[in-house]
Amino acid sequence: MPLPDRDTTPRNTLWDSGSLSTGVSLSDQPILSLIKLVLQTAYLKPYKPISLLLLGNAGIGKTRLLSPLVKLDFVSYVNDITPKYLVEFLHKVKNGEKRFLVVPDFTNCMSHAMNTRTVLVAILRSMTEEGVIDLSDYHLEFKSSTHVKAGLITATTNASYQQFREIWKGTGFLSRLLPFSFSHSVDTKTRTMKDIDMKKRDCLESVKLSVVKRAPRTVAMPPRLLSQLHVYEELLGKNSGCLPYRHQIQLNALAESLAVLTESSELTQDHIDTVSRLCHWINYDFNEV
């Protein structure tokens, strides 16, 4: 994905304000920044939680990066799901208890029998976009007078993604998931291996991904600034096999979340620049961190 000629480190007040642990490594910062923005989208108005898919080689630490989410009361963090569990989760969403489903390894879900995983993806596809009203077609009991929506945050390996990519594109499921694809640079690998040898304590244990739960102020979103994200939205749409509109909504929500978290009443060029830097990895290019 083409980017402006500038540093891709997401220098923004998400870090400057100390809202995340200051001990977090530079390679973890962009991923945790994006996770925090995605979480905030569940508290925007109108209600529009977006979904996230982390993509990386086996052993790169995807589950580790999602581990801070287990501490959040509005998140259901589970290793695997079944259609029955999804119905139970949707009831919690309907009652206002939960807003996100986190599955650290989506490969587990895709290891079920074909009929089961087809039902799972169909429910998740509805849950993350238009919302779920009636699941009786799947021999499950869930009914609601309003559409029940929730965000999905998950991760999978490059190999698993390649296996299911065309199926997910064909059903529209892929376009519902904002991708964050990454690999490790030589420096990151060297530092990580050194930390393992030294038995260094993982700084992610102290990370707090807090969000603004109160009704956020109305954020002015100038079209002249949002239009700078169109190039990324077009490329995301091309790769996920859809028109760019769904990705436009996703990136706009990230920008608005950043404004809310930085207590801004209007979107600024700095906010757009931060989202643009994150777009260095919001793609399927597996750029290094």
C-alpha atoms as a PDB file:
ATOM      1  CA  MET A   1       0.000   0.000   0.000  1.00  0.00           C
ATOM      2  CA  PRO A   2       1.607   3.342  -1.001  1.00  0.00           C
ATOM      3  CA  LEU A   3       2.333   5.653   1.864  1.00  0.00           C
ATOM      4  CA  PRO A   4       3.523   9.219   2.353  1.00  0.00           C
ATOM      5  CA  ASP A   5       7.268   9.509   2.795  1.00  0.00           C
ATOM      6  CA  ARG A   6       7.336   9.796   6.563  1.00  0.00           C
ATOM      7  CA  ASP A   7       7.997   7.852   9.740  1.00  0.00           C
ATOM      8  CA  THR A   8       5.410   5.127  10.279  1.00  0.00           C
ATOM      9  CA  THR A   9       5.698   5.125  14.077  1.00  0.00           C
ATOM     10  CA  PRO A  10       2.226   6.146  15.374  1.00  0.00           C
ATOM     11  CA  ARG A  11       3.346   9.105  17.444  1.00  0.00           C
ATOM     12  CA  ASN A  12       0.112  10.366  18.925  1.00  0.00           C
ATOM     13  CA  THR A  13      -1.400  11.272  22.248  1.00  0.00           C
ATOM     14  CA  LEU A  14      -2.577   7.702  22.780  1.00  0.00           C
ATOM     15  CA  TRP A  15       1.022   7.174  23.889  1.00  0.00           C
ATOM     16  CA  ASP A  16       1.988  10.650  24.982  1.00  0.00           C
ATOM     17  CA  SER A  17      -0.879  10.782  27.493  1.00  0.00           C
ATOM     18  CA  GLY A  18       0.281   7.590  29.180  1.00  0.00           C
ATOM     19  CA  SER A  19      -3.004   5.805  28.435  1.00  0.00           C
ATOM     20  CA  LEU A  20      -0.923   2.765  27.550  1.00  0.00           C
ATOM     21  CA  SER A  21       2.092   1.397  29.371  1.00  0.00           C
ATOM     22  CA  THR A  22       5.216   3.452  28.688  1.00  0.00           C
ATOM     23  CA  GLY A  23       7.280   0.248  28.754  1.00  0.00           C
ATOM     24  CA  VAL A  24       5.669  -1.109  25.596  1.00  0.00           C
ATOM     25  CA  SER A  25       8.176  -1.713  22.818  1.00  0.00           C
ATOM     26  CA  LEU A  26       8.113   0.292  19.583  1.00  0.00           C
ATOM     27  CA  SER A  27       7.148  -2.845  17.649  1.00  0.00           C
ATOM     28  CA  ASP A  28       4.076  -3.402  19.853  1.00  0.00           C
ATOM     29  CA  GLN A  29       2.890   0.209  19.838  1.00  0.00           C
ATOM     30  CA  PRO A  30       1.182   0.332  16.430  1.00  0.00           C
ATOM     31  CA  ILE A  31      -0.701  -2.929  17.031  1.00  0.00           C
ATOM     32  CA  LEU A  32      -1.908  -1.931  20.493  1.00  0.00           C
ATOM     33  CA  SER A  33      -2.805   1.541  19.218  1.00  0.00           C
ATOM     34  CA  LEU A  34      -5.041   0.032  16.562  1.00  0.00           C
ATOM     35  CA  ILE A  35      -6.663  -2.384  19.031  1.00  0.00           C
ATOM     36  CA  LYS A  36      -7.450   0.540  21.322  1.00  0.00           C
ATOM     37  CA  LEU A  37      -9.042   2.515  18.480  1.00  0.00           C
ATOM     38  CA  VAL A  38     -11.105  -0.503  17.422  1.00  0.00           C
ATOM     39  CA  LEU A  39     -12.377  -0.935  20.994  1.00  0.00           C
ATOM     40  CA  GLN A  40     -13.402   2.726  21.124  1.00  0.00           C
ATOM     41  CA  THR A  41     -15.590   2.324  18.019  1.00  0.00           C
ATOM     42  CA  ALA A  42     -18.113   0.401  20.153  1.00  0.00           C
ATOM     43  CA  TYR A  43     -18.789   3.602  22.098  1.00  0.00           C
ATOM     44  CA  LEU A  44     -19.291   5.948  19.161  1.00  0.00           C
ATOM     45  CA  LYS A  45     -22.716   7.197  18.157  1.00  0.00           C
ATOM     46  CA  PRO A  46     -24.355   5.803  16.172  1.00  0.00           C
ATOM     47  CA  TYR A  47     -23.257   2.437  17.546  1.00  0.00           C
ATOM     48  CA  LYS A  48     -20.745   1.033  15.068  1.00  0.00           C
ATOM     49  CA  PRO A  49     -18.178  -1.406  16.488  1.00  0.00           C
ATOM     50  CA  ILE A  50     -15.742  -2.506  13.799  1.00  0.00           C
ATOM     51  CA  SER A  51     -13.886  -5.805  13.633  1.00  0.00           C
ATOM     52  CA  LEU A  52     -10.185  -6.607  13.450  1.00  0.00           C
ATOM     53  CA  LEU A  53      -8.140  -9.467  12.002  1.00  0.00           C
ATOM     54  CA  LEU A  54      -4.462  -9.782  12.980  1.00  0.00           C
ATOM     55  CA  LEU A  55      -2.395 -11.631  10.383  1.00  0.00           C
ATOM     56  CA  GLY A  56       1.130 -12.913  10.944  1.00  0.00           C
ATOM     57  CA  ASN A  57       3.362 -15.962  10.914  1.00  0.00           C
ATOM     58  CA  ALA A  58       2.904 -18.669  13.542  1.00  0.00           C
ATOM     59  CA  GLY A  59       4.720 -17.747  16.748  1.00  0.00           C
ATOM     60  CA  ILE A  60       4.893 -13.999  16.033  1.00  0.00           C
ATOM     61  CA  GLY A  61       2.877 -13.186  19.173  1.00  0.00           C
ATOM     62  CA  LYS A  62      -0.648 -12.502  17.953  1.00  0.00           C
ATOM     63  CA  THR A  63      -2.250 -14.149  20.985  1.00  0.00           C
ATOM     64  CA  ARG A  64       0.142 -12.259  23.258  1.00  0.00           C
ATOM     65  CA  LEU A  65      -0.937  -8.942  21.744  1.00  0.00           C
ATOM     66  CA  LEU A  66      -4.608  -9.757  22.303  1.00  0.00           C
ATOM     67  CA  SER A  67      -4.075 -10.930  25.900  1.00  0.00           C
ATOM     68  CA  PRO A  68      -4.770  -7.504  27.527  1.00  0.00           C
ATOM     69  CA  LEU A  69      -8.346  -7.759  26.225  1.00  0.00           C
ATOM     70  CA  VAL A  70      -9.177 -10.493  28.718  1.00  0.00           C
ATOM     71  CA  LYS A  71      -9.279  -7.812  31.441  1.00  0.00           C
ATOM     72  CA  LEU A  72     -12.108  -5.820  29.824  1.00  0.00           C
ATOM     73  CA  ASP A  73     -15.645  -6.288  31.135  1.00  0.00           C
ATOM     74  CA  PHE A  74     -17.287  -5.528  27.771  1.00  0.00           C
ATOM     75  CA  VAL A  75     -15.278  -8.254  26.006  1.00  0.00           C
ATOM     76  CA  SER A  76     -15.884 -12.009  25.811  1.00  0.00           C
ATOM     77  CA  TYR A  77     -12.454 -13.625  25.394  1.00  0.00           C
ATOM     78  CA  VAL A  78     -12.642 -17.287  24.345  1.00  0.00           C
ATOM     79  CA  ASN A  79     -10.312 -19.771  22.664  1.00  0.00           C
ATOM     80  CA  ASP A  80     -13.017 -21.346  20.514  1.00  0.00           C
ATOM     81  CA  ILE A  81     -16.677 -20.837  19.680  1.00  0.00           C
ATOM     82  CA  THR A  82     -19.644 -22.935  18.653  1.00  0.00           C
ATOM     83  CA  PRO A  83     -23.010 -21.806  17.266  1.00  0.00           C
ATOM     84  CA  LYS A  84     -24.511 -22.441  20.723  1.00  0.00           C
ATOM     85  CA  TYR A  85     -21.884 -20.230  22.380  1.00  0.00           C
ATOM     86  CA  LEU A  86     -22.535 -17.478  19.841  1.00  0.00           C
ATOM     87  CA  VAL A  87     -26.222 -17.460  20.770  1.00  0.00           C
ATOM     88  CA  GLU A  88     -25.279 -17.071  24.445  1.00  0.00           C
ATOM     89  CA  PHE A  89     -22.891 -14.247  23.532  1.00  0.00           C
ATOM     90  CA  LEU A  90     -25.552 -12.453  21.453  1.00  0.00           C
ATOM     91  CA  HIS A  91     -27.919 -12.513  24.424  1.00  0.00           C
ATOM     92  CA  LYS A  92     -25.215 -10.749  26.463  1.00  0.00           C
ATOM     93  CA  VAL A  93     -24.768  -8.177  23.692  1.00  0.00           C
ATOM     94  CA  LYS A  94     -28.528  -7.653  23.537  1.00  0.00           C
ATOM     95  CA  ASN A  95     -28.569  -7.026  27.316  1.00  0.00           C
ATOM     96  CA  GLY A  96     -25.726  -4.508  27.043  1.00  0.00           C
ATOM     97  CA  GLU A  97     -23.173  -6.670  28.857  1.00  0.00           C
ATOM     98  CA  LYS A  98     -20.766  -7.272  25.963  1.00  0.00           C
ATOM     99  CA  ARG A  99     -19.643  -5.402  22.859  1.00  0.00           C
ATOM    100  CA  PHE A 100     -16.783  -7.500  21.471  1.00  0.00           C
ATOM    101  CA  LEU A 101     -16.016 -11.149  20.919  1.00  0.00           C
ATOM    102  CA  VAL A 102     -12.287 -11.916  21.027  1.00  0.00           C
ATOM    103  CA  VAL A 103     -10.984 -15.213  19.648  1.00  0.00           C
ATOM    104  CA  PRO A 104      -7.157 -15.160  19.829  1.00  0.00           C
ATOM    105  CA  ASP A 105      -6.744 -17.929  17.234  1.00  0.00           C
ATOM    106  CA  PHE A 106      -9.418 -18.120  14.541  1.00  0.00           C
ATOM    107  CA  THR A 107      -7.796 -21.302  13.234  1.00  0.00           C
ATOM    108  CA  ASN A 108      -9.588 -23.130  16.064  1.00  0.00           C
ATOM    109  CA  CYS A 109     -12.946 -22.019  14.664  1.00  0.00           C
ATOM    110  CA  MET A 110     -11.976 -23.137  11.183  1.00  0.00           C
ATOM    111  CA  SER A 111     -10.977 -26.580  12.483  1.00  0.00           C
ATOM    112  CA  HIS A 112     -14.601 -27.565  13.057  1.00  0.00           C
ATOM    113  CA  ALA A 113     -16.541 -29.686  10.575  1.00  0.00           C
ATOM    114  CA  MET A 114     -17.526 -27.819   7.423  1.00  0.00           C
ATOM    115  CA  ASN A 115     -21.201 -27.426   8.367  1.00  0.00           C
ATOM    116  CA  THR A 116     -20.314 -26.009  11.790  1.00  0.00           C
ATOM    117  CA  ARG A 117     -17.758 -23.507  10.513  1.00  0.00           C
ATOM    118  CA  THR A 118     -20.134 -22.430   7.733  1.00  0.00           C
ATOM    119  CA  VAL A 119     -22.777 -21.619  10.348  1.00  0.00           C
ATOM    120  CA  LEU A 120     -20.201 -19.853  12.541  1.00  0.00           C
ATOM    121  CA  VAL A 121     -18.987 -17.601   9.731  1.00  0.00           C
ATOM    122  CA  ALA A 122     -22.570 -16.868   8.630  1.00  0.00           C
ATOM    123  CA  ILE A 123     -23.532 -15.721  12.133  1.00  0.00           C
ATOM    124  CA  LEU A 124     -20.327 -13.700  12.550  1.00  0.00           C
ATOM    125  CA  ARG A 125     -20.886 -12.093   9.157  1.00  0.00           C
ATOM    126  CA  SER A 126     -24.310 -10.856  10.246  1.00  0.00           C
ATOM    127  CA  MET A 127     -23.187  -9.912  13.764  1.00  0.00           C
ATOM    128  CA  THR A 128     -20.354  -7.690  12.524  1.00  0.00           C
ATOM    129  CA  GLU A 129     -22.349  -5.838   9.864  1.00  0.00           C
ATOM    130  CA  GLU A 130     -26.138  -5.489   9.772  1.00  0.00           C
ATOM    131  CA  GLY A 131     -26.751  -7.258  13.088  1.00  0.00           C
ATOM    132  CA  VAL A 132     -28.620 -10.404  14.098  1.00  0.00           C
ATOM    133  CA  ILE A 133     -32.398 -10.599  14.609  1.00  0.00           C
ATOM    134  CA  ASP A 134     -33.406 -14.238  14.121  1.00  0.00           C
ATOM    135  CA  LEU A 135     -31.243 -17.362  14.133  1.00  0.00           C
ATOM    136  CA  SER A 136     -34.027 -19.926  13.866  1.00  0.00           C
ATOM    137  CA  ASP A 137     -32.781 -20.893  10.405  1.00  0.00           C
ATOM    138  CA  TYR A 138     -29.753 -22.516  12.044  1.00  0.00           C
ATOM    139  CA  HIS A 139     -31.839 -24.541  14.552  1.00  0.00           C
ATOM    140  CA  LEU A 140     -30.824 -22.028  17.185  1.00  0.00           C
ATOM    141  CA  GLU A 141     -33.034 -19.939  19.396  1.00  0.00           C
ATOM    142  CA  PHE A 142     -32.306 -16.236  19.213  1.00  0.00           C
ATOM    143  CA  LYS A 143     -34.780 -13.485  18.453  1.00  0.00           C
ATOM    144  CA  SER A 144     -34.566  -9.737  18.893  1.00  0.00           C
ATOM    145  CA  SER A 145     -36.777  -6.806  17.950  1.00  0.00           C
ATOM    146  CA  THR A 146     -33.665  -4.833  16.963  1.00  0.00           C
ATOM    147  CA  HIS A 147     -30.477  -5.755  15.137  1.00  0.00           C
ATOM    148  CA  VAL A 148     -27.855  -7.014  17.602  1.00  0.00           C
ATOM    149  CA  LYS A 149     -24.345  -5.997  16.544  1.00  0.00           C
ATOM    150  CA  ALA A 150     -20.934  -6.703  18.041  1.00  0.00           C
ATOM    151  CA  GLY A 151     -17.325  -6.463  16.989  1.00  0.00           C
ATOM    152  CA  LEU A 152     -15.036  -9.432  16.385  1.00  0.00           C
ATOM    153  CA  ILE A 153     -11.329  -9.245  17.207  1.00  0.00           C
ATOM    154  CA  THR A 154      -9.338 -12.271  16.147  1.00  0.00           C
ATOM    155  CA  ALA A 155      -6.087 -13.477  14.614  1.00  0.00           C
ATOM    156  CA  THR A 156      -4.844 -16.182  12.317  1.00  0.00           C
ATOM    157  CA  THR A 157      -1.686 -17.317  10.581  1.00  0.00           C
ATOM    158  CA  ASN A 158      -0.694 -16.435   7.033  1.00  0.00           C
ATOM    159  CA  ALA A 159      -1.199 -20.075   6.006  1.00  0.00           C
ATOM    160  CA  SER A 160      -4.727 -20.249   7.423  1.00  0.00           C
ATOM    161  CA  TYR A 161      -5.626 -16.921   5.843  1.00  0.00           C
ATOM    162  CA  GLN A 162      -4.420 -18.132   2.444  1.00  0.00           C
ATOM    163  CA  GLN A 163      -6.505 -21.292   2.836  1.00  0.00           C
ATOM    164  CA  PHE A 164      -9.782 -19.476   3.482  1.00  0.00           C
ATOM    165  CA  ARG A 165      -9.199 -16.125   1.736  1.00  0.00           C
ATOM    166  CA  GLU A 166     -11.206 -16.815  -1.424  1.00  0.00           C
ATOM    167  CA  ILE A 167     -14.136 -18.278   0.504  1.00  0.00           C
ATOM    168  CA  TRP A 168     -14.210 -15.290   2.858  1.00  0.00           C
ATOM    169  CA  LYS A 169     -13.988 -12.891  -0.071  1.00  0.00           C
ATOM    170  CA  GLY A 170     -16.836 -14.638  -1.843  1.00  0.00           C
ATOM    171  CA  THR A 171     -19.171 -14.411   1.154  1.00  0.00           C
ATOM    172  CA  GLY A 172     -18.203 -10.833   2.052  1.00  0.00           C
ATOM    173  CA  PHE A 173     -16.814 -11.909   5.417  1.00  0.00           C
ATOM    174  CA  LEU A 174     -13.286 -10.682   4.658  1.00  0.00           C
ATOM    175  CA  SER A 175     -14.412  -7.103   4.003  1.00  0.00           C
ATOM    176  CA  ARG A 176     -16.040  -6.971   7.443  1.00  0.00           C
ATOM    177  CA  LEU A 177     -12.644  -7.497   9.102  1.00  0.00           C
ATOM    178  CA  LEU A 178     -10.111  -4.674   9.169  1.00  0.00           C
ATOM    179  CA  PRO A 179      -6.754  -6.427   8.553  1.00  0.00           C
ATOM    180  CA  PHE A 180      -3.532  -5.732  10.411  1.00  0.00           C
ATOM    181  CA  SER A 181      -0.805  -7.792   8.738  1.00  0.00           C
ATOM    182  CA  PHE A 182       2.735  -7.702  10.037  1.00  0.00           C
ATOM    183  CA  SER A 183       6.081  -9.446  10.180  1.00  0.00           C
ATOM    184  CA  HIS A 184       9.126  -8.874  12.397  1.00  0.00           C
ATOM    185  CA  SER A 185      12.195  -6.965  11.306  1.00  0.00           C
ATOM    186  CA  VAL A 186      15.674  -8.273  12.079  1.00  0.00           C
ATOM    187  CA  ASP A 187      15.952  -5.789  14.959  1.00  0.00           C
ATOM    188  CA  THR A 188      12.622  -6.917  16.447  1.00  0.00           C
ATOM    189  CA  LYS A 189      13.594 -10.589  16.191  1.00  0.00           C
ATOM    190  CA  THR A 190      16.973  -9.920  17.819  1.00  0.00           C
ATOM    191  CA  ARG A 191      15.425  -7.936  20.679  1.00  0.00           C
ATOM    192  CA  THR A 192      12.686 -10.530  21.246  1.00  0.00           C
ATOM    193  CA  MET A 193      15.144 -13.437  21.368  1.00  0.00           C
ATOM    194  CA  LYS A 194      17.356 -11.494  23.776  1.00  0.00           C
ATOM    195  CA  ASP A 195      14.364 -10.817  26.053  1.00  0.00           C
ATOM    196  CA  ILE A 196      13.499 -14.534  26.046  1.00  0.00           C
ATOM    197  CA  ASP A 197      17.061 -15.503  26.976  1.00  0.00           C
ATOM    198  CA  MET A 198      17.048 -12.955  29.805  1.00  0.00           C
ATOM    199  CA  LYS A 199      13.594 -14.105  31.005  1.00  0.00           C
ATOM    200  CA  LYS A 200      12.465 -10.512  30.817  1.00  0.00           C
ATOM    201  CA  ARG A 201       8.977  -9.820  32.148  1.00  0.00           C
ATOM    202  CA  ASP A 202       6.494  -9.074  29.369  1.00  0.00           C
ATOM    203  CA  CYS A 203       5.407  -5.433  29.617  1.00  0.00           C
ATOM    204  CA  LEU A 204       2.007  -6.327  28.154  1.00  0.00           C
ATOM    205  CA  GLU A 205       1.025  -7.669  31.572  1.00  0.00           C
ATOM    206  CA  SER A 206       0.601  -4.063  32.725  1.00  0.00           C
ATOM    207  CA  VAL A 207      -1.098  -2.670  29.604  1.00  0.00           C
ATOM    208  CA  LYS A 208      -4.530  -1.121  30.147  1.00  0.00           C
ATOM    209  CA  LEU A 209      -6.649  -0.628  27.034  1.00  0.00           C
ATOM    210  CA  SER A 210      -9.148   1.772  28.551  1.00  0.00           C
ATOM    211  CA  VAL A 211     -11.816   3.480  26.438  1.00  0.00           C
ATOM    212  CA  VAL A 212     -14.181   6.417  26.852  1.00  0.00           C
ATOM    213  CA  LYS A 213     -17.486   4.801  27.804  1.00  0.00           C
ATOM    214  CA  ARG A 214     -19.460   7.952  28.478  1.00  0.00           C
ATOM    215  CA  ALA A 215     -21.445   9.357  25.607  1.00  0.00           C
ATOM    216  CA  PRO A 216     -18.736  11.041  23.492  1.00  0.00           C
ATOM    217  CA  ARG A 217     -19.081  14.586  22.319  1.00  0.00           C
ATOM    218  CA  THR A 218     -20.050  15.130  18.718  1.00  0.00           C
ATOM    219  CA  VAL A 219     -16.899  15.119  16.628  1.00  0.00           C
ATOM    220  CA  ALA A 220     -16.819  17.354  13.548  1.00  0.00           C
ATOM    221  CA  MET A 221     -15.474  15.289  10.651  1.00  0.00           C
ATOM    222  CA  PRO A 222     -14.380  17.580   7.762  1.00  0.00           C
ATOM    223  CA  PRO A 223     -14.710  15.731   4.414  1.00  0.00           C
ATOM    224  CA  ARG A 224     -11.512  17.397   3.152  1.00  0.00           C
ATOM    225  CA  LEU A 225      -9.583  15.485   5.831  1.00  0.00           C
ATOM    226  CA  LEU A 226     -11.455  12.199   5.496  1.00  0.00           C
ATOM    227  CA  SER A 227     -10.834  12.213   1.744  1.00  0.00           C
ATOM    228  CA  GLN A 228      -7.120  11.661   2.454  1.00  0.00           C
ATOM    229  CA  LEU A 229      -8.004   8.124   3.566  1.00  0.00           C
ATOM    230  CA  HIS A 230      -9.716   7.224   0.279  1.00  0.00           C
ATOM    231  CA  VAL A 231      -6.575   5.761  -1.281  1.00  0.00           C
ATOM    232  CA  TYR A 232      -6.284   3.228   1.550  1.00  0.00           C
ATOM    233  CA  GLU A 233      -9.996   2.412   1.384  1.00  0.00           C
ATOM    234  CA  GLU A 234      -9.820   1.778  -2.354  1.00  0.00           C
ATOM    235  CA  LEU A 235      -6.875  -0.608  -1.925  1.00  0.00           C
ATOM    236  CA  LEU A 236      -8.523  -2.436   0.971  1.00  0.00           C
ATOM    237  CA  GLY A 237     -11.664  -2.877  -1.122  1.00  0.00           C
ATOM    238  CA  LYS A 238      -9.661  -4.250  -4.019  1.00  0.00           C
ATOM    239  CA  ASN A 239      -7.958  -6.807  -1.787  1.00  0.00           C
ATOM    240  CA  SER A 240     -11.121  -7.895   0.020  1.00  0.00           C
ATOM    241  CA  GLY A 241     -13.167  -8.132  -3.171  1.00  0.00           C
ATOM    242  CA  CYS A 242     -15.687  -5.394  -2.477  1.00  0.00           C
ATOM    243  CA  LEU A 243     -16.384  -1.726  -3.103  1.00  0.00           C
ATOM    244  CA  PRO A 244     -14.522   0.647  -0.745  1.00  0.00           C
ATOM    245  CA  TYR A 245     -17.551   1.864   1.223  1.00  0.00           C
ATOM    246  CA  ARG A 246     -17.319  -0.659   4.072  1.00  0.00           C
ATOM    247  CA  HIS A 247     -13.628   0.134   4.562  1.00  0.00           C
ATOM    248  CA  GLN A 248     -14.433   3.844   4.371  1.00  0.00           C
ATOM    249  CA  ILE A 249     -16.776   3.423   7.336  1.00  0.00           C
ATOM    250  CA  GLN A 250     -14.077   1.476   9.195  1.00  0.00           C
ATOM    251  CA  LEU A 251     -11.280   4.015   8.712  1.00  0.00           C
ATOM    252  CA  ASN A 252     -13.606   6.928   9.431  1.00  0.00           C
ATOM    253  CA  ALA A 253     -14.571   5.200  12.693  1.00  0.00           C
ATOM    254  CA  LEU A 254     -10.892   4.825  13.619  1.00  0.00           C
ATOM    255  CA  ALA A 255     -10.306   8.526  12.991  1.00  0.00           C
ATOM    256  CA  GLU A 256     -13.347   9.465  15.066  1.00  0.00           C
ATOM    257  CA  SER A 257     -12.234   7.144  17.872  1.00  0.00           C
ATOM    258  CA  LEU A 258      -8.846   8.839  17.940  1.00  0.00           C
ATOM    259  CA  ALA A 259     -10.512  12.232  18.254  1.00  0.00           C
ATOM    260  CA  VAL A 260     -12.671  10.973  21.146  1.00  0.00           C
ATOM    261  CA  LEU A 261      -9.714   9.422  22.961  1.00  0.00           C
ATOM    262  CA  THR A 262      -7.712  12.624  22.620  1.00  0.00           C
ATOM    263  CA  GLU A 263     -10.697  14.713  23.798  1.00  0.00           C
ATOM    264  CA  SER A 264     -10.974  16.614  20.540  1.00  0.00           C
ATOM    265  CA  SER A 265     -14.262  18.036  19.288  1.00  0.00           C
ATOM    266  CA  GLU A 266     -13.023  18.126  15.691  1.00  0.00           C
ATOM    267  CA  LEU A 267     -10.970  15.816  13.527  1.00  0.00           C
ATOM    268  CA  THR A 268      -7.545  17.275  12.789  1.00  0.00           C
ATOM    269  CA  GLN A 269      -4.727  16.665  10.331  1.00  0.00           C
ATOM    270  CA  ASP A 270      -2.748  15.029  13.153  1.00  0.00           C
ATOM    271  CA  HIS A 271      -5.528  12.469  13.596  1.00  0.00           C
ATOM    272  CA  ILE A 272      -5.551  11.690   9.884  1.00  0.00           C
ATOM    273  CA  ASP A 273      -1.750  11.415   9.847  1.00  0.00           C
ATOM    274  CA  THR A 274      -1.880   8.902  12.707  1.00  0.00           C
ATOM    275  CA  VAL A 275      -4.448   6.728  10.927  1.00  0.00           C
ATOM    276  CA  SER A 276      -2.396   6.991   7.732  1.00  0.00           C
ATOM    277  CA  ARG A 277       0.694   5.761   9.595  1.00  0.00           C
ATOM    278  CA  LEU A 278      -1.288   2.799  10.919  1.00  0.00           C
ATOM    279  CA  CYS A 279      -2.335   2.025   7.345  1.00  0.00           C
ATOM    280  CA  HIS A 280       1.277   0.956   6.810  1.00  0.00           C
ATOM    281  CA  TRP A 281       0.029  -2.292   8.412  1.00  0.00           C
ATOM    282  CA  ILE A 282      -3.736  -2.029   7.802  1.00  0.00           C
ATOM    283  CA  ASN A 283      -3.452  -4.093   4.639  1.00  0.00           C
ATOM    284  CA  TYR A 284      -2.389  -7.562   3.495  1.00  0.00           C
ATOM    285  CA  ASP A 285       1.250  -6.661   2.760  1.00  0.00           C
ATOM    286  CA  PHE A 286       2.852  -8.043   5.961  1.00  0.00           C
ATOM    287  CA  ASN A 287       5.144  -5.068   6.485  1.00  0.00           C
ATOM    288  CA  GLU A 288       7.736  -5.276   9.244  1.00  0.00           C
ATOM    289  CA  VAL A 289       7.372  -3.844  12.736  1.00  0.00           C
END
